[in-house]
């Protein structure tokens, strides 16, 4: 007979804050900040990619 697998325990996501030098739980506020930074970086990369393709800059 197969053994029943143990249920997974979902731990809160941890995030390392370089400026503070500490690891903290991911809060909804931190999630918003991270999401905004990712969107900004993606937008900058896309603009640079298009400008390079057009030969601008």
Protein backbone atom coordinates (compact mmCIF):
# COMPACT_ATOMS: atom_id res chain seq x y z
CA UNK A 1 0.00 0.00 0.00
CA UNK A 2 1.23 3.48 -0.87
CA UNK A 3 1.78 5.87 1.95
CA UNK A 4 -0.19 9.05 2.03
CA UNK A 5 2.06 12.06 1.30
CA UNK A 6 2.48 14.62 4.04
CA UNK A 7 0.67 17.91 3.38
CA UNK A 8 2.90 20.75 2.23
CA UNK A 9 3.39 23.61 4.62
CA UNK A 10 3.36 26.91 2.74
CA UNK A 11 5.70 29.38 4.37
CA UNK A 12 5.39 33.12 3.81
CA UNK A 13 7.62 34.46 1.07
CA UNK A 14 10.79 36.10 2.33
CA UNK A 15 12.53 38.96 0.60
CA UNK A 16 16.02 40.36 1.20
CA UNK A 17 16.19 44.14 1.43
CA UNK A 18 19.70 45.12 0.39
CA UNK A 19 19.50 48.70 1.75
CA UNK A 20 18.53 47.48 5.22
CA UNK A 21 20.58 44.28 5.04
CA UNK A 22 17.77 42.12 6.39
CA UNK A 23 15.33 39.45 5.29
CA UNK A 24 11.65 40.16 5.95
CA UNK A 25 8.27 38.65 5.13
CA UNK A 26 6.76 39.73 1.82
CA UNK A 27 3.88 42.07 2.62
CA UNK A 28 1.27 43.37 0.15
CA UNK A 29 2.99 46.78 0.27
CA UNK A 30 6.39 45.27 -0.58
CA UNK A 31 4.78 43.21 -3.33
CA UNK A 32 3.45 46.44 -4.91
CA UNK A 33 6.88 48.06 -4.73
CA UNK A 34 8.58 45.05 -6.32
CA UNK A 35 5.92 44.83 -9.03
CA UNK A 36 6.37 48.52 -9.88
CA UNK A 37 10.16 48.18 -10.05
CA UNK A 38 9.86 45.15 -12.35
CA UNK A 39 7.44 47.03 -14.61
CA UNK A 40 9.79 50.05 -14.75
CA UNK A 41 12.79 47.88 -15.64
CA UNK A 42 10.82 46.01 -18.31
CA UNK A 43 9.61 49.27 -19.83
CA UNK A 44 13.16 50.72 -19.92
CA UNK A 45 14.45 47.53 -21.56
CA UNK A 46 11.67 47.59 -24.17
CA UNK A 47 12.29 51.26 -25.01
CA UNK A 48 16.03 50.67 -25.35
CA UNK A 49 15.42 47.63 -27.53
CA UNK A 50 13.13 49.53 -29.89
CA UNK A 51 15.49 52.51 -30.05
CA UNK A 52 18.41 50.21 -30.85
CA UNK A 53 16.39 48.52 -33.58
CA UNK A 54 15.54 51.90 -35.10
CA UNK A 55 19.15 53.05 -34.82
CA UNK A 56 18.33 55.87 -32.39
CA UNK A 57 20.59 56.61 -29.44
